[in-house]
Amino acid sequence: MMISKRGIIVWIFIFATFLTVMASLSMAVLLINEGAAAIVTPYILGSIAGAQSVEIYLWLSITTTFIFLGITCIIIYLKQPPDPEIVKLLLKVGGNLAALRKAQETSVTELVDQMEYGRKVNQKFFSTVSSDLKEDKKETIDLLTKQGKAVKKISSDLVSTLETKTAETGEKLSADLKRQEAVMLGVKRISEEGATDLKSQRAELEEIKLRLERIEGNMVPNQANLKSLDNPEDIKGIGPALGKELRTLGVTSVGDFLTTDPDVIGEKTRISKEMAENLQASAQLMMIPAVDSSNAELLIEAGIKSRKQLAEQDLIQLSRRVSEIAKIYVEQGKISKEEYPTIEQISFWIRNAR
């Protein structure tokens, strides 16, 4: 009976040892797949120790395995006195396992601390860089805004000065013309012989008009805003992407763009034929002195798409059309009141186009 009970107990501890071995293997697999920080709750040990990391349960499983294995061996060899060396070895192994587990826990803690410190250092660095970039961006925007206001003021003052000077010169010459006409009428009433002198006076008046036009023309920059050798991207409406497509067609300058068939441009690039024609019209007009991109857009809206058309226009009729379009542009915010073209400016455009 004693032997039977002992055998049962031996088999029970052998089975328990087997279970702990399997648990150790399972924890080892989880450690490899999930890592040491994974949290598990085993079926048997979990009901005792609760949810713990895979590493802790691995060591518990190994320790339990050795305990059950030791108890099994003791039961089997119960009649023999335990070997002190074996006991010391078991204690030493248990102590080594505990020390190893503690060392691993310390290493994991140090690694986590180092990672947290590194994260804080990186966060501080990126925060400093972001703050510096925001300050630089703000300073750049403020500087560009100030420069834009200064350029706009200078342009406004220049246009105002030109208009004032032109008006003064025009009034003075107009008064001279009136005086000359009065003199000629008096000469005509006095004698028919004064007809020759009258023609001479008219010739002088024409010469004065020509001088006035030259004076007015000299008051406006003769330099065109666009030249035939400029890059296609200098035309308003042509960006880097479209410029690259035009160069694949051999269009490397404004002159090349103007002489290229708009049908070819519409087929080979991203823009339509109508858009190509409008861009060519804008380039033509911008090659006329004193006509910038905004002026060219107003002229195109007024139906002027070439230098020849502009040269053939009547000043008053063209001024009416441009004035109506300019009013709409001012309301829409496309141009400012200072950019509103005057009759004198439109007269310069027509003369420069001839």
Protein backbone atom coordinates (compact mmCIF):
# COMPACT_ATOMS: atom_id res chain seq x y z
CA MET A 1 0.00 0.00 0.00
CA MET A 2 2.90 2.31 0.92
CA ILE A 3 4.58 1.60 -2.43
CA SER A 4 1.33 2.30 -4.33
CA LYS A 5 0.82 5.65 -2.62
CA ARG A 6 4.43 6.56 -3.17
CA GLY A 7 4.14 5.64 -6.86
CA ILE A 8 1.04 7.77 -7.23
CA ILE A 9 2.79 10.71 -5.60
CA VAL A 10 5.82 10.22 -7.86
CA TRP A 11 3.63 10.18 -10.95
CA ILE A 12 1.77 13.30 -9.79
CA PHE A 13 5.05 15.22 -9.34
CA ILE A 14 6.39 13.90 -12.63
CA PHE A 15 3.21 15.15 -14.35
CA ALA A 16 3.52 18.53 -12.57
CA THR A 17 7.16 18.71 -13.66
CA PHE A 18 6.08 18.00 -17.24
CA LEU A 19 3.47 20.76 -17.08
CA THR A 20 6.02 23.28 -15.78
CA VAL A 21 8.45 22.25 -18.53
CA MET A 22 5.73 22.87 -21.12
CA ALA A 23 4.89 26.18 -19.47
CA SER A 24 8.58 27.15 -19.61
CA LEU A 25 8.72 26.30 -23.32
CA SER A 26 5.52 28.27 -23.94
CA MET A 27 6.91 31.30 -22.10
CA ALA A 28 10.18 31.02 -24.05
CA VAL A 29 8.25 31.05 -27.34
CA LEU A 30 6.22 34.08 -26.21
CA LEU A 31 9.43 35.84 -25.12
CA ILE A 32 10.92 35.34 -28.58
CA ASN A 33 7.78 36.35 -30.46
CA GLU A 34 6.29 39.07 -28.23
CA GLY A 35 9.29 40.40 -26.29
CA ALA A 36 10.08 40.68 -22.59
CA ALA A 37 7.52 43.47 -22.01
CA ALA A 38 4.50 41.37 -23.11
CA ILE A 39 1.91 40.80 -20.33
CA VAL A 40 0.30 37.34 -19.99
CA THR A 41 -1.96 35.51 -17.54
CA PRO A 42 -1.27 31.74 -17.68
CA TYR A 43 -4.04 29.30 -16.84
CA ILE A 44 -2.50 27.89 -13.66
CA LEU A 45 0.17 30.36 -12.52
CA GLY A 46 -2.01 33.30 -13.55
CA SER A 47 -4.64 32.40 -10.97
CA ILE A 48 -1.90 32.64 -8.31
CA ALA A 49 0.44 35.43 -9.47
CA GLY A 50 -1.97 37.40 -11.68
CA ALA A 51 -0.97 39.21 -14.92
CA GLN A 52 2.81 39.55 -15.23
CA SER A 53 5.43 39.95 -17.96
CA VAL A 54 6.51 36.99 -20.06
CA GLU A 55 10.02 37.19 -18.62
CA ILE A 56 8.80 36.88 -15.01
CA TYR A 57 6.56 33.92 -15.85
CA LEU A 58 9.44 32.29 -17.72
CA TRP A 59 11.62 32.40 -14.66
CA LEU A 60 8.74 31.28 -12.42
CA SER A 61 8.10 28.35 -14.77
CA ILE A 62 11.78 27.38 -14.80
CA THR A 63 12.03 27.72 -11.02
CA THR A 64 8.84 25.69 -10.52
CA THR A 65 10.19 23.04 -12.90
CA PHE A 66 13.34 22.65 -10.88
CA ILE A 67 11.36 22.59 -7.65
CA PHE A 68 9.01 19.84 -8.87
CA LEU A 69 11.93 17.97 -10.37
CA GLY A 70 13.81 18.18 -7.08
CA ILE A 71 10.79 17.04 -5.06
CA THR A 72 10.29 14.13 -7.47
CA CYS A 73 13.90 13.05 -7.10
CA ILE A 74 13.68 13.36 -3.31
CA ILE A 75 10.53 11.20 -3.21
CA ILE A 76 12.10 8.58 -5.44
CA TYR A 77 15.25 8.39 -3.33
CA LEU A 78 13.56 9.12 0.00
CA LYS A 79 15.37 6.36 1.89
CA GLN A 80 18.75 7.73 0.85
CA PRO A 81 20.01 10.80 2.65
CA PRO A 82 20.05 13.85 0.38
CA ASP A 83 23.39 14.68 -1.17
CA PRO A 84 24.59 18.01 0.28
CA GLU A 85 26.35 18.83 -2.99
CA ILE A 86 23.10 18.41 -4.92
CA VAL A 87 21.28 20.62 -2.43
CA LYS A 88 23.99 23.26 -2.68
CA LEU A 89 23.90 23.01 -6.47
CA LEU A 90 20.13 23.47 -6.52
CA LEU A 91 20.37 26.45 -4.18
CA LYS A 92 23.18 27.91 -6.26
CA VAL A 93 21.17 27.46 -9.46
CA GLY A 94 18.14 29.09 -7.84
CA GLY A 95 20.29 31.97 -6.62
CA ASN A 96 21.88 32.41 -10.05
CA LEU A 97 18.46 32.38 -11.70
CA ALA A 98 17.18 35.02 -9.30
CA ALA A 99 20.30 37.16 -9.80
CA LEU A 100 19.99 36.80 -13.57
CA ARG A 101 16.33 37.83 -13.48
CA LYS A 102 17.17 40.86 -11.34
CA ALA A 103 20.01 41.86 -13.69
CA GLN A 104 17.69 41.60 -16.70
CA GLU A 105 15.04 43.68 -14.96
CA THR A 106 17.70 46.31 -14.16
CA SER A 107 18.89 46.32 -17.81
CA VAL A 108 15.34 46.70 -19.07
CA THR A 109 14.74 49.58 -16.64
CA GLU A 110 17.94 51.34 -17.73
CA LEU A 111 17.05 50.87 -21.40
CA VAL A 112 13.59 52.34 -20.85
CA ASP A 113 15.12 55.32 -19.00
CA GLN A 114 17.60 55.92 -21.81
CA MET A 115 14.83 55.79 -24.43
CA GLU A 116 12.71 58.25 -22.43
CA TYR A 117 15.69 60.60 -22.03
CA GLY A 118 16.41 60.40 -25.77
CA ARG A 119 12.75 61.14 -26.56
CA LYS A 120 12.79 64.23 -24.33
CA VAL A 121 16.06 65.49 -25.88
CA ASN A 122 14.66 65.01 -29.43
CA GLN A 123 11.39 66.69 -28.50
CA LYS A 124 13.25 69.70 -27.08
CA PHE A 125 15.49 69.92 -30.16
CA PHE A 126 12.58 69.80 -32.65
CA SER A 127 10.64 72.32 -30.56
CA THR A 128 13.60 74.74 -30.69
CA VAL A 129 14.04 74.27 -34.46
CA SER A 130 10.30 74.80 -35.08
CA SER A 131 10.30 78.00 -33.01
CA ASP A 132 13.32 79.37 -34.91
CA LEU A 133 11.71 78.59 -38.28
CA LYS A 134 8.48 80.35 -37.29
CA GLU A 135 10.40 83.48 -36.22
CA ASP A 136 12.46 83.53 -39.44
CA LYS A 137 9.30 83.08 -41.54
CA LYS A 138 7.55 85.95 -39.75
CA GLU A 139 10.55 88.27 -40.21
CA THR A 140 10.77 87.40 -43.92
CA ILE A 141 7.04 88.04 -44.49
CA ASP A 142 7.25 91.39 -42.66
CA LEU A 143 10.28 92.43 -44.75
CA LEU A 144 8.57 91.48 -48.05
CA THR A 145 5.41 93.36 -46.99
CA LYS A 146 7.41 96.52 -46.22
CA GLN A 147 9.29 96.28 -49.54
CA GLY A 148 6.01 95.79 -51.43
CA LYS A 149 4.48 98.87 -49.80
CA ALA A 150 7.60 100.93 -50.58
CA VAL A 151 7.61 99.86 -54.26
CA LYS A 152 3.88 100.58 -54.55
CA LYS A 153 4.31 104.06 -53.04
CA ILE A 154 7.24 104.88 -55.34
CA SER A 155 5.23 103.72 -58.38
CA SER A 156 2.23 105.80 -57.30
CA ASP A 157 4.37 108.89 -56.73
CA LEU A 158 6.07 108.48 -60.12
CA VAL A 159 2.76 108.13 -61.98
CA SER A 160 1.35 111.14 -60.13
CA THR A 161 4.42 113.21 -60.98
CA LEU A 162 4.25 112.21 -64.65
CA GLU A 163 0.55 113.05 -64.83
CA THR A 164 1.15 116.45 -63.19
CA LYS A 165 4.05 117.32 -65.48
CA THR A 166 2.14 116.19 -68.57
CA ALA A 167 -0.94 118.18 -67.58
CA GLU A 168 1.13 121.34 -66.95
CA THR A 169 2.96 120.99 -70.27
CA GLY A 170 -0.28 120.26 -72.09
CA GLU A 171 -2.01 123.29 -70.59
CA LYS A 172 0.89 125.56 -71.47
CA LEU A 173 1.09 124.32 -75.04
CA SER A 174 -2.69 124.45 -75.37
CA ALA A 175 -2.62 128.12 -74.34
CA ASP A 176 0.10 128.75 -76.91
CA LEU A 177 -1.99 127.02 -79.57
CA LYS A 178 -5.00 129.13 -78.75
CA ARG A 179 -2.97 132.30 -79.00
CA GLN A 180 -1.52 131.20 -82.30
CA GLU A 181 -4.96 130.35 -83.67
CA ALA A 182 -6.23 133.79 -82.62
CA VAL A 183 -3.33 135.42 -84.42
CA MET A 184 -4.00 133.39 -87.56
CA LEU A 185 -7.69 134.26 -87.54
CA GLY A 186 -6.81 137.93 -87.24
CA VAL A 187 -4.37 137.68 -90.11
CA LYS A 188 -7.01 135.93 -92.25
CA ARG A 189 -9.58 138.64 -91.58
CA ILE A 190 -7.10 141.43 -92.40
CA SER A 191 -6.00 140.13 -95.77
CA GLU A 192 -6.07 137.18 -98.06
CA GLU A 193 -2.37 137.71 -98.47
CA GLY A 194 -1.96 136.39 -94.96
CA ALA A 195 -2.89 132.87 -96.18
CA THR A 196 0.77 132.10 -96.79
CA ASP A 197 1.65 133.24 -93.28
CA LEU A 198 -1.25 131.21 -91.92
CA LYS A 199 0.06 128.03 -93.49
CA SER A 200 3.45 128.80 -92.00
CA GLN A 201 1.85 129.24 -88.58
CA ARG A 202 -0.01 125.94 -88.93
CA ALA A 203 3.23 124.20 -89.81
CA GLU A 204 4.72 125.67 -86.66
CA LEU A 205 1.74 124.38 -84.70
CA GLU A 206 2.25 120.89 -86.09
CA GLU A 207 5.89 121.09 -85.14
CA ILE A 208 4.89 122.18 -81.61
CA LYS A 209 2.51 119.20 -81.42
CA LEU A 210 5.27 116.86 -82.48
CA ARG A 211 7.57 118.38 -79.87
CA LEU A 212 4.83 117.94 -77.26
CA GLU A 213 4.45 114.27 -78.18
CA ARG A 214 8.21 113.78 -78.00
CA ILE A 215 8.33 115.51 -74.60
CA GLU A 216 5.48 113.36 -73.32
CA GLY A 217 7.13 110.26 -74.77
CA ASN A 218 10.40 111.11 -73.05
CA MET A 219 8.59 111.33 -69.71
CA VAL A 220 7.62 107.64 -69.95
CA PRO A 221 10.27 104.89 -69.83
CA ASN A 222 11.15 103.75 -73.38
CA GLN A 223 12.31 100.42 -72.07
CA ALA A 224 9.84 97.62 -72.84
CA ASN A 225 8.80 95.32 -70.00
CA LEU A 226 9.47 92.30 -72.21
CA LYS A 227 12.10 91.58 -74.86
CA SER A 228 12.28 88.91 -77.51
CA LEU A 229 15.31 87.24 -75.88
CA ASP A 230 13.68 86.98 -72.42
CA ASN A 231 12.67 83.60 -71.03
CA PRO A 232 9.11 82.39 -71.75
CA GLU A 233 8.49 82.32 -67.95
CA ASP A 234 8.74 86.15 -67.95
CA ILE A 235 5.30 86.18 -69.61
CA LYS A 236 2.55 86.39 -67.00
CA GLY A 237 0.68 83.08 -67.02
CA ILE A 238 3.65 80.85 -67.95
CA GLY A 239 5.04 78.96 -64.95
CA PRO A 240 8.01 76.60 -64.61
CA ALA A 241 6.01 73.51 -65.62
CA LEU A 242 4.63 75.08 -68.82
CA GLY A 243 8.03 76.62 -69.55
CA LYS A 244 9.61 73.15 -69.40
CA GLU A 245 7.00 71.80 -71.86
CA LEU A 246 7.65 74.73 -74.24
CA ARG A 247 11.39 74.06 -74.21
CA THR A 248 10.72 70.50 -75.35
CA LEU A 249 9.14 72.13 -78.45
CA GLY A 250 12.26 74.28 -78.97
CA VAL A 251 10.67 77.43 -77.50
CA THR A 252 13.45 78.98 -75.39
CA SER A 253 12.63 82.69 -75.65
CA VAL A 254 9.73 85.14 -75.94
CA GLY A 255 10.49 85.55 -79.64
CA ASP A 256 10.25 81.77 -80.20
CA PHE A 257 6.94 81.70 -78.31
CA LEU A 258 5.44 84.49 -80.45
CA THR A 259 6.41 82.77 -83.72
CA THR A 260 5.14 79.31 -82.73
CA ASP A 261 1.75 78.24 -84.08
CA PRO A 262 -0.83 78.31 -81.22
CA ASP A 263 -2.33 75.09 -82.62
CA VAL A 264 1.00 73.31 -82.00
CA ILE A 265 1.22 74.76 -78.48
CA GLY A 266 -2.36 73.65 -77.74
CA GLU A 267 -1.63 70.09 -78.95
CA LYS A 268 1.78 69.60 -77.33
CA THR A 269 1.31 71.35 -73.96
CA ARG A 270 -1.16 71.52 -71.11
CA ILE A 271 -2.86 74.73 -72.30
CA SER A 272 -5.52 75.17 -74.99
CA LYS A 273 -5.15 76.95 -78.30
CA GLU A 274 -7.22 79.92 -77.01
CA MET A 275 -5.01 80.22 -73.94
CA ALA A 276 -1.89 80.13 -76.14
CA GLU A 277 -3.31 82.93 -78.32
CA ASN A 278 -4.04 85.07 -75.24
CA LEU A 279 -0.53 84.51 -73.88
CA GLN A 280 0.97 85.45 -77.27
CA ALA A 281 -1.20 88.59 -77.32
CA SER A 282 -0.06 89.50 -73.80
CA ALA A 283 3.60 89.02 -74.81
CA GLN A 284 3.17 91.21 -77.92
CA LEU A 285 1.61 94.02 -75.91
CA MET A 286 4.21 93.81 -73.11
CA MET A 287 6.95 94.36 -75.73
CA ILE A 288 5.50 97.88 -76.23
CA PRO A 289 7.22 100.44 -73.95
CA ALA A 290 5.14 101.53 -70.90
CA VAL A 291 2.79 98.49 -71.19
CA ASP A 292 3.08 96.08 -68.24
CA SER A 293 1.28 92.79 -67.59
CA SER A 294 -1.76 94.49 -65.97
CA ASN A 295 -2.07 96.95 -68.87
CA ALA A 296 -1.79 94.08 -71.35
CA GLU A 297 -4.60 92.22 -69.60
CA LEU A 298 -6.85 95.32 -69.80
CA LEU A 299 -6.09 95.73 -73.52
CA ILE A 300 -6.83 92.06 -74.24
CA GLU A 301 -10.17 92.36 -72.43
CA ALA A 302 -10.84 95.42 -74.62
CA GLY A 303 -10.26 93.28 -77.74
CA ILE A 304 -6.70 94.42 -78.52
CA LYS A 305 -4.49 91.38 -79.16
CA SER A 306 -1.62 92.74 -81.26
CA ARG A 307 0.67 95.74 -81.64
CA LYS A 308 -0.92 96.55 -85.01
CA GLN A 309 -4.43 96.64 -83.53
CA LEU A 310 -3.27 98.99 -80.76
CA ALA A 311 -1.56 101.33 -83.24
CA GLU A 312 -4.80 101.64 -85.28
CA GLN A 313 -7.04 102.49 -82.30
CA ASP A 314 -8.84 105.76 -81.73
CA LEU A 315 -7.67 107.25 -78.41
CA ILE A 316 -11.11 108.23 -77.05
CA GLN A 317 -12.91 105.02 -78.02
CA LEU A 318 -10.13 102.82 -76.64
CA SER A 319 -10.00 104.91 -73.44
CA ARG A 320 -13.74 104.35 -72.93
CA ARG A 321 -13.44 100.57 -73.28
CA VAL A 322 -10.35 100.34 -71.07
CA SER A 323 -11.97 102.62 -68.46
CA GLU A 324 -15.07 100.39 -68.20
CA ILE A 325 -12.95 97.26 -67.77
CA ALA A 326 -10.60 98.98 -65.29
CA LYS A 327 -13.54 100.00 -63.09
CA ILE A 328 -14.65 96.36 -62.87
CA TYR A 329 -11.07 95.26 -62.08
CA VAL A 330 -10.82 97.84 -59.29
CA GLU A 331 -14.10 96.60 -57.77
CA GLN A 332 -12.87 93.01 -57.99
CA GLY A 333 -9.53 93.93 -56.40
CA LYS A 334 -7.47 92.85 -59.43
CA ILE A 335 -5.86 96.30 -59.70
CA SER A 336 -5.65 99.29 -57.37
CA LYS A 337 -6.91 102.80 -58.05
CA GLU A 338 -3.31 103.92 -58.53
CA GLU A 339 -2.96 101.42 -61.42
CA TYR A 340 -6.07 102.84 -63.16
CA PRO A 341 -4.78 103.94 -66.63
CA THR A 342 -5.27 107.57 -67.66
CA ILE A 343 -5.99 108.90 -71.14
CA GLU A 344 -2.41 110.17 -71.31
CA GLN A 345 -1.06 106.68 -70.58
CA ILE A 346 -3.30 105.11 -73.23
CA SER A 347 -2.14 107.79 -75.69
CA PHE A 348 1.48 106.80 -74.95
CA TRP A 349 0.64 103.14 -75.58
CA ILE A 350 -0.86 103.94 -78.98
CA ARG A 351 2.10 106.14 -80.02
CA ASN A 352 4.65 103.60 -78.82
CA ALA A 353 2.88 100.87 -80.78
CA ARG A 354 3.30 102.79 -84.04
